[in-house]
């Protein structure tokens, strides 16, 4: 799987895929996200958000690899 908004679209799709019985593989370097504003006026930087979401997904929902490892 590849896509934009790692913490939204990629995450939701991988989680739903597991519910439907699919084994999902994510190309980490073919996904991205953006800085995310927090309710208290701060910002979560895109790289940290991307890494945190991929770590969460790899814990249960998908295999996470570099694109070169998949192809």
PDB file of N, CA and C in Angstrom:
ATOM      1  N   UNK A   1       0.840  -1.151   0.000  1.00  0.00           N
ATOM      2  CA  UNK A   1       0.000   0.000   0.000  1.00  0.00           C
ATOM      3  C   UNK A   1       0.897   1.230   0.000  1.00  0.00           C
ATOM      4  N   UNK A   2       0.471   2.248  -0.737  1.00  0.00           N
ATOM      5  CA  UNK A   2       1.144   3.537  -0.743  1.00  0.00           C
ATOM      6  C   UNK A   2       0.079   4.612  -0.616  1.00  0.00           C
ATOM      7  N   UNK A   3       0.472   5.814  -0.214  1.00  0.00           N
ATOM      8  CA  UNK A   3      -0.516   6.875  -0.167  1.00  0.00           C
ATOM      9  C   UNK A   3      -0.088   8.070   0.649  1.00  0.00           C
ATOM     10  N   UNK A   4      -0.940   9.063   0.628  1.00  0.00           N
ATOM     11  CA  UNK A   4      -0.702  10.287   1.380  1.00  0.00           C
ATOM     12  C   UNK A   4      -1.611  10.286   2.608  1.00  0.00           C
ATOM     13  N   UNK A   5      -1.171  10.992   3.606  1.00  0.00           N
ATOM     14  CA  UNK A   5      -1.837  11.073   4.903  1.00  0.00           C
ATOM     15  C   UNK A   5      -1.733   9.734   5.633  1.00  0.00           C
ATOM     16  N   UNK A   6      -0.494   9.376   5.940  1.00  0.00           N
ATOM     17  CA  UNK A   6      -0.200   8.119   6.629  1.00  0.00           C
ATOM     18  C   UNK A   6      -1.106   7.916   7.831  1.00  0.00           C
ATOM     19  N   UNK A   7      -1.316   8.974   8.596  1.00  0.00           N
ATOM     20  CA  UNK A   7      -2.087   8.857   9.843  1.00  0.00           C
ATOM     21  C   UNK A   7      -3.594   8.791   9.612  1.00  0.00           C
ATOM     22  N   UNK A   8      -4.047   8.997   8.392  1.00  0.00           N
ATOM     23  CA  UNK A   8      -5.482   8.969   8.098  1.00  0.00           C
ATOM     24  C   UNK A   8      -5.802   7.848   7.100  1.00  0.00           C
ATOM     25  N   UNK A   9      -5.631   8.125   5.820  1.00  0.00           N
ATOM     26  CA  UNK A   9      -6.055   7.193   4.772  1.00  0.00           C
ATOM     27  C   UNK A   9      -5.303   5.867   4.815  1.00  0.00           C
ATOM     28  N   UNK A  10      -3.984   5.929   4.909  1.00  0.00           N
ATOM     29  CA  UNK A  10      -3.192   4.700   4.934  1.00  0.00           C
ATOM     30  C   UNK A  10      -3.542   3.880   6.173  1.00  0.00           C
ATOM     31  N   UNK A  11      -3.592   4.538   7.317  1.00  0.00           N
ATOM     32  CA  UNK A  11      -3.915   3.851   8.570  1.00  0.00           C
ATOM     33  C   UNK A  11      -5.305   3.225   8.530  1.00  0.00           C
ATOM     34  N   UNK A  12      -6.289   3.987   8.116  1.00  0.00           N
ATOM     35  CA  UNK A  12      -7.667   3.478   8.077  1.00  0.00           C
ATOM     36  C   UNK A  12      -7.800   2.293   7.135  1.00  0.00           C
ATOM     37  N   UNK A  13      -7.157   2.382   5.987  1.00  0.00           N
ATOM     38  CA  UNK A  13      -7.239   1.297   5.015  1.00  0.00           C
ATOM     39  C   UNK A  13      -6.569   0.031   5.536  1.00  0.00           C
ATOM     40  N   UNK A  14      -5.400   0.167   6.139  1.00  0.00           N
ATOM     41  CA  UNK A  14      -4.699  -1.006   6.681  1.00  0.00           C
ATOM     42  C   UNK A  14      -5.501  -1.658   7.798  1.00  0.00           C
ATOM     43  N   UNK A  15      -6.087  -0.865   8.653  1.00  0.00           N
ATOM     44  CA  UNK A  15      -6.872  -1.408   9.767  1.00  0.00           C
ATOM     45  C   UNK A  15      -8.133  -2.111   9.264  1.00  0.00           C
ATOM     46  N   UNK A  16      -8.812  -1.497   8.297  1.00  0.00           N
ATOM     47  CA  UNK A  16     -10.014  -2.112   7.731  1.00  0.00           C
ATOM     48  C   UNK A  16      -9.662  -3.390   6.970  1.00  0.00           C
ATOM     49  N   UNK A  17      -8.530  -3.379   6.293  1.00  0.00           N
ATOM     50  CA  UNK A  17      -8.109  -4.565   5.542  1.00  0.00           C
ATOM     51  C   UNK A  17      -7.917  -5.760   6.469  1.00  0.00           C
ATOM     52  N   UNK A  18      -7.325  -5.533   7.630  1.00  0.00           N
ATOM     53  CA  UNK A  18      -7.149  -6.627   8.591  1.00  0.00           C
ATOM     54  C   UNK A  18      -8.506  -7.173   9.028  1.00  0.00           C
ATOM     55  N   UNK A  19      -9.452  -6.287   9.284  1.00  0.00           N
ATOM     56  CA  UNK A  19     -10.799  -6.718   9.669  1.00  0.00           C
ATOM     57  C   UNK A  19     -11.439  -7.600   8.602  1.00  0.00           C
ATOM     58  N   UNK A  20     -11.066  -7.362   7.337  1.00  0.00           N
ATOM     59  CA  UNK A  20     -11.625  -8.129   6.227  1.00  0.00           C
ATOM     60  C   UNK A  20     -10.781  -9.355   5.879  1.00  0.00           C
ATOM     61  N   UNK A  21      -9.723  -9.595   6.644  1.00  0.00           N
ATOM     62  CA  UNK A  21      -8.911 -10.781   6.442  1.00  0.00           C
ATOM     63  C   UNK A  21      -7.727 -10.624   5.506  1.00  0.00           C
ATOM     64  N   UNK A  22      -7.415  -9.410   5.104  1.00  0.00           N
ATOM     65  CA  UNK A  22      -6.278  -9.175   4.214  1.00  0.00           C
ATOM     66  C   UNK A  22      -4.994  -8.976   5.004  1.00  0.00           C
ATOM     67  N   UNK A  23      -3.878  -9.395   4.419  1.00  0.00           N
ATOM     68  CA  UNK A  23      -2.554  -9.104   4.960  1.00  0.00           C
ATOM     69  C   UNK A  23      -2.002  -7.930   4.159  1.00  0.00           C
ATOM     70  N   UNK A  24      -1.792  -6.814   4.810  1.00  0.00           N
ATOM     71  CA  UNK A  24      -1.395  -5.586   4.136  1.00  0.00           C
ATOM     72  C   UNK A  24       0.102  -5.357   4.255  1.00  0.00           C
ATOM     73  N   UNK A  25       0.686  -4.878   3.171  1.00  0.00           N
ATOM     74  CA  UNK A  25       2.088  -4.478   3.143  1.00  0.00           C
ATOM     75  C   UNK A  25       2.130  -3.001   2.782  1.00  0.00           C
ATOM     76  N   UNK A  26       2.848  -2.224   3.576  1.00  0.00           N
ATOM     77  CA  UNK A  26       2.955  -0.783   3.359  1.00  0.00           C
ATOM     78  C   UNK A  26       4.381  -0.447   2.954  1.00  0.00           C
ATOM     79  N   UNK A  27       4.518   0.328   1.882  1.00  0.00           N
ATOM     80  CA  UNK A  27       5.817   0.858   1.469  1.00  0.00           C
ATOM     81  C   UNK A  27       6.019   2.181   2.207  1.00  0.00           C
ATOM     82  N   UNK A  28       6.801   2.143   3.271  1.00  0.00           N
ATOM     83  CA  UNK A  28       6.946   3.302   4.159  1.00  0.00           C
ATOM     84  C   UNK A  28       7.444   4.547   3.435  1.00  0.00           C
ATOM     85  N   UNK A  29       8.364   4.363   2.494  1.00  0.00           N
ATOM     86  CA  UNK A  29       8.928   5.512   1.791  1.00  0.00           C
ATOM     87  C   UNK A  29       8.096   5.931   0.585  1.00  0.00           C
ATOM     88  N   UNK A  30       6.940   5.306   0.396  1.00  0.00           N
ATOM     89  CA  UNK A  30       6.004   5.717  -0.649  1.00  0.00           C
ATOM     90  C   UNK A  30       4.714   6.246  -0.027  1.00  0.00           C
ATOM     91  N   UNK A  31       4.798   6.583   1.254  1.00  0.00           N
ATOM     92  CA  UNK A  31       3.694   7.198   1.985  1.00  0.00           C
ATOM     93  C   UNK A  31       4.220   8.479   2.627  1.00  0.00           C
ATOM     94  N   UNK A  32       3.330   9.371   2.923  1.00  0.00           N
ATOM     95  CA  UNK A  32       3.737  10.628   3.559  1.00  0.00           C
ATOM     96  C   UNK A  32       2.545  11.236   4.278  1.00  0.00           C
ATOM     97  N   UNK A  33       2.822  12.246   5.059  1.00  0.00           N
ATOM     98  CA  UNK A  33       1.764  12.995   5.720  1.00  0.00           C
ATOM     99  C   UNK A  33       2.195  14.447   5.827  1.00  0.00           C
ATOM    100  N   UNK A  34       1.486  15.231   6.579  1.00  0.00           N
ATOM    101  CA  UNK A  34       1.779  16.656   6.743  1.00  0.00           C
ATOM    102  C   UNK A  34       1.873  16.970   8.224  1.00  0.00           C
ATOM    103  N   UNK A  35       2.411  18.134   8.533  1.00  0.00           N
ATOM    104  CA  UNK A  35       2.395  18.593   9.921  1.00  0.00           C
ATOM    105  C   UNK A  35       0.950  18.643  10.396  1.00  0.00           C
ATOM    106  N   UNK A  36       0.738  18.312  11.647  1.00  0.00           N
ATOM    107  CA  UNK A  36      -0.618  18.267  12.193  1.00  0.00           C
ATOM    108  C   UNK A  36      -0.722  19.222  13.378  1.00  0.00           C
ATOM    109  N   UNK A  37      -1.593  20.230  13.279  1.00  0.00           N
ATOM    110  CA  UNK A  37      -1.764  21.143  14.414  1.00  0.00           C
ATOM    111  C   UNK A  37      -2.463  20.435  15.570  1.00  0.00           C
ATOM    112  N   UNK A  38      -2.049  20.758  16.783  1.00  0.00           N
ATOM    113  CA  UNK A  38      -2.672  20.180  17.967  1.00  0.00           C
ATOM    114  C   UNK A  38      -3.700  21.152  18.526  1.00  0.00           C
ATOM    115  N   UNK A  39      -4.635  20.675  19.316  1.00  0.00           N
ATOM    116  CA  UNK A  39      -5.667  21.549  19.882  1.00  0.00           C
ATOM    117  C   UNK A  39      -5.108  22.663  20.775  1.00  0.00           C
ATOM    118  N   UNK A  40      -3.917  22.445  21.335  1.00  0.00           N
ATOM    119  CA  UNK A  40      -3.356  23.465  22.226  1.00  0.00           C
ATOM    120  C   UNK A  40      -2.454  24.457  21.505  1.00  0.00           C
ATOM    121  N   UNK A  41      -2.470  24.446  20.181  1.00  0.00           N
ATOM    122  CA  UNK A  41      -1.700  25.406  19.402  1.00  0.00           C
ATOM    123  C   UNK A  41      -0.325  24.929  18.974  1.00  0.00           C
ATOM    124  N   UNK A  42       0.042  23.724  19.334  1.00  0.00           N
ATOM    125  CA  UNK A  42       1.328  23.173  18.918  1.00  0.00           C
ATOM    126  C   UNK A  42       1.229  22.521  17.553  1.00  0.00           C
ATOM    127  N   UNK A  43       2.307  21.893  17.163  1.00  0.00           N
ATOM    128  CA  UNK A  43       2.350  21.202  15.877  1.00  0.00           C
ATOM    129  C   UNK A  43       3.112  19.892  16.052  1.00  0.00           C
ATOM    130  N   UNK A  44       2.546  18.821  15.529  1.00  0.00           N
ATOM    131  CA  UNK A  44       3.255  17.547  15.448  1.00  0.00           C
ATOM    132  C   UNK A  44       3.873  17.501  14.056  1.00  0.00           C
ATOM    133  N   UNK A  45       5.202  17.385  13.999  1.00  0.00           N
ATOM    134  CA  UNK A  45       5.858  17.438  12.694  1.00  0.00           C
ATOM    135  C   UNK A  45       5.537  16.189  11.875  1.00  0.00           C
ATOM    136  N   UNK A  46       5.518  16.366  10.562  1.00  0.00           N
ATOM    137  CA  UNK A  46       5.119  15.305   9.641  1.00  0.00           C
ATOM    138  C   UNK A  46       5.969  14.047   9.788  1.00  0.00           C
ATOM    139  N   UNK A  47       7.281  14.210   9.917  1.00  0.00           N
ATOM    140  CA  UNK A  47       8.160  13.037  10.007  1.00  0.00           C
ATOM    141  C   UNK A  47       7.868  12.219  11.265  1.00  0.00           C
ATOM    142  N   UNK A  48       7.677  12.900  12.381  1.00  0.00           N
ATOM    143  CA  UNK A  48       7.367  12.195  13.625  1.00  0.00           C
ATOM    144  C   UNK A  48       6.017  11.510  13.580  1.00  0.00           C
ATOM    145  N   UNK A  49       5.038  12.189  13.011  1.00  0.00           N
ATOM    146  CA  UNK A  49       3.695  11.625  12.885  1.00  0.00           C
ATOM    147  C   UNK A  49       3.715  10.399  11.974  1.00  0.00           C
ATOM    148  N   UNK A  50       4.408  10.518  10.857  1.00  0.00           N
ATOM    149  CA  UNK A  50       4.549   9.413   9.899  1.00  0.00           C
ATOM    150  C   UNK A  50       5.196   8.199  10.574  1.00  0.00           C
ATOM    151  N   UNK A  51       6.315   8.428  11.250  1.00  0.00           N
ATOM    152  CA  UNK A  51       7.024   7.333  11.916  1.00  0.00           C
ATOM    153  C   UNK A  51       6.183   6.685  13.013  1.00  0.00           C
ATOM    154  N   UNK A  52       5.494   7.498  13.804  1.00  0.00           N
ATOM    155  CA  UNK A  52       4.671   6.960  14.890  1.00  0.00           C
ATOM    156  C   UNK A  52       3.525   6.112  14.344  1.00  0.00           C
ATOM    157  N   UNK A  53       2.893   6.577  13.287  1.00  0.00           N
ATOM    158  CA  UNK A  53       1.778   5.813  12.724  1.00  0.00           C
ATOM    159  C   UNK A  53       2.262   4.513  12.104  1.00  0.00           C
ATOM    160  N   UNK A  54       3.390   4.543  11.400  1.00  0.00           N
ATOM    161  CA  UNK A  54       3.920   3.306  10.825  1.00  0.00           C
ATOM    162  C   UNK A  54       4.322   2.320  11.913  1.00  0.00           C
ATOM    163  N   UNK A  55       4.859   2.819  13.013  1.00  0.00           N
ATOM    164  CA  UNK A  55       5.205   1.939  14.136  1.00  0.00           C
ATOM    165  C   UNK A  55       3.951   1.281  14.697  1.00  0.00           C
ATOM    166  N   UNK A  56       2.884   2.054  14.854  1.00  0.00           N
ATOM    167  CA  UNK A  56       1.625   1.504  15.362  1.00  0.00           C
ATOM    168  C   UNK A  56       1.057   0.467  14.395  1.00  0.00           C
ATOM    169  N   UNK A  57       1.079   0.767  13.110  1.00  0.00           N
ATOM    170  CA  UNK A  57       0.546  -0.173  12.127  1.00  0.00           C
ATOM    171  C   UNK A  57       1.366  -1.458  12.082  1.00  0.00           C
ATOM    172  N   UNK A  58       2.681  -1.333  12.171  1.00  0.00           N
ATOM    173  CA  UNK A  58       3.525  -2.530  12.091  1.00  0.00           C
ATOM    174  C   UNK A  58       3.394  -3.415  13.328  1.00  0.00           C
ATOM    175  N   UNK A  59       2.878  -2.863  14.400  1.00  0.00           N
ATOM    176  CA  UNK A  59       2.696  -3.638  15.626  1.00  0.00           C
ATOM    177  C   UNK A  59       1.585  -4.675  15.495  1.00  0.00           C
ATOM    178  N   UNK A  60       0.619  -4.438  14.602  1.00  0.00           N
ATOM    179  CA  UNK A  60      -0.511  -5.367  14.506  1.00  0.00           C
ATOM    180  C   UNK A  60      -1.167  -5.448  13.123  1.00  0.00           C
ATOM    181  N   UNK A  61      -1.187  -4.348  12.391  1.00  0.00           N
ATOM    182  CA  UNK A  61      -2.079  -4.245  11.241  1.00  0.00           C
ATOM    183  C   UNK A  61      -1.443  -4.489   9.877  1.00  0.00           C
ATOM    184  N   UNK A  62      -0.133  -4.331   9.752  1.00  0.00           N
ATOM    185  CA  UNK A  62       0.486  -4.432   8.430  1.00  0.00           C
ATOM    186  C   UNK A  62       1.980  -4.683   8.556  1.00  0.00           C
ATOM    187  N   UNK A  63       2.544  -5.224   7.496  1.00  0.00           N
ATOM    188  CA  UNK A  63       3.994  -5.266   7.376  1.00  0.00           C
ATOM    189  C   UNK A  63       4.440  -3.935   6.807  1.00  0.00           C
ATOM    190  N   UNK A  64       5.480  -3.356   7.355  1.00  0.00           N
ATOM    191  CA  UNK A  64       5.973  -2.060   6.889  1.00  0.00           C
ATOM    192  C   UNK A  64       7.413  -2.243   6.424  1.00  0.00           C
ATOM    193  N   UNK A  65       7.663  -1.899   5.159  1.00  0.00           N
ATOM    194  CA  UNK A  65       8.970  -2.099   4.540  1.00  0.00           C
ATOM    195  C   UNK A  65       9.314  -0.907   3.662  1.00  0.00           C
ATOM    196  N   UNK A  66      10.575  -0.819   3.237  1.00  0.00           N
ATOM    197  CA  UNK A  66      10.965   0.130   2.199  1.00  0.00           C
ATOM    198  C   UNK A  66      10.429  -0.402   0.877  1.00  0.00           C
ATOM    199  N   UNK A  67      10.124   0.492  -0.050  1.00  0.00           N
ATOM    200  CA  UNK A  67       9.602   0.063  -1.349  1.00  0.00           C
ATOM    201  C   UNK A  67      10.566  -0.894  -2.044  1.00  0.00           C
ATOM    202  N   UNK A  68      11.857  -0.644  -1.929  1.00  0.00           N
ATOM    203  CA  UNK A  68      12.852  -1.504  -2.577  1.00  0.00           C
ATOM    204  C   UNK A  68      12.867  -2.919  -2.006  1.00  0.00           C
ATOM    205  N   UNK A  69      12.375  -3.088  -0.801  1.00  0.00           N
ATOM    206  CA  UNK A  69      12.301  -4.418  -0.193  1.00  0.00           C
ATOM    207  C   UNK A  69      11.068  -5.193  -0.660  1.00  0.00           C
ATOM    208  N   UNK A  70      10.109  -4.480  -1.202  1.00  0.00           N
ATOM    209  CA  UNK A  70       8.854  -5.104  -1.629  1.00  0.00           C
ATOM    210  C   UNK A  70       8.922  -5.531  -3.087  1.00  0.00           C
ATOM    211  N   UNK A  71       9.479  -4.682  -3.915  1.00  0.00           N
ATOM    212  CA  UNK A  71       9.484  -4.904  -5.366  1.00  0.00           C
ATOM    213  C   UNK A  71      10.478  -5.962  -5.757  1.00  0.00           C
TER     214      UNK A  71
END
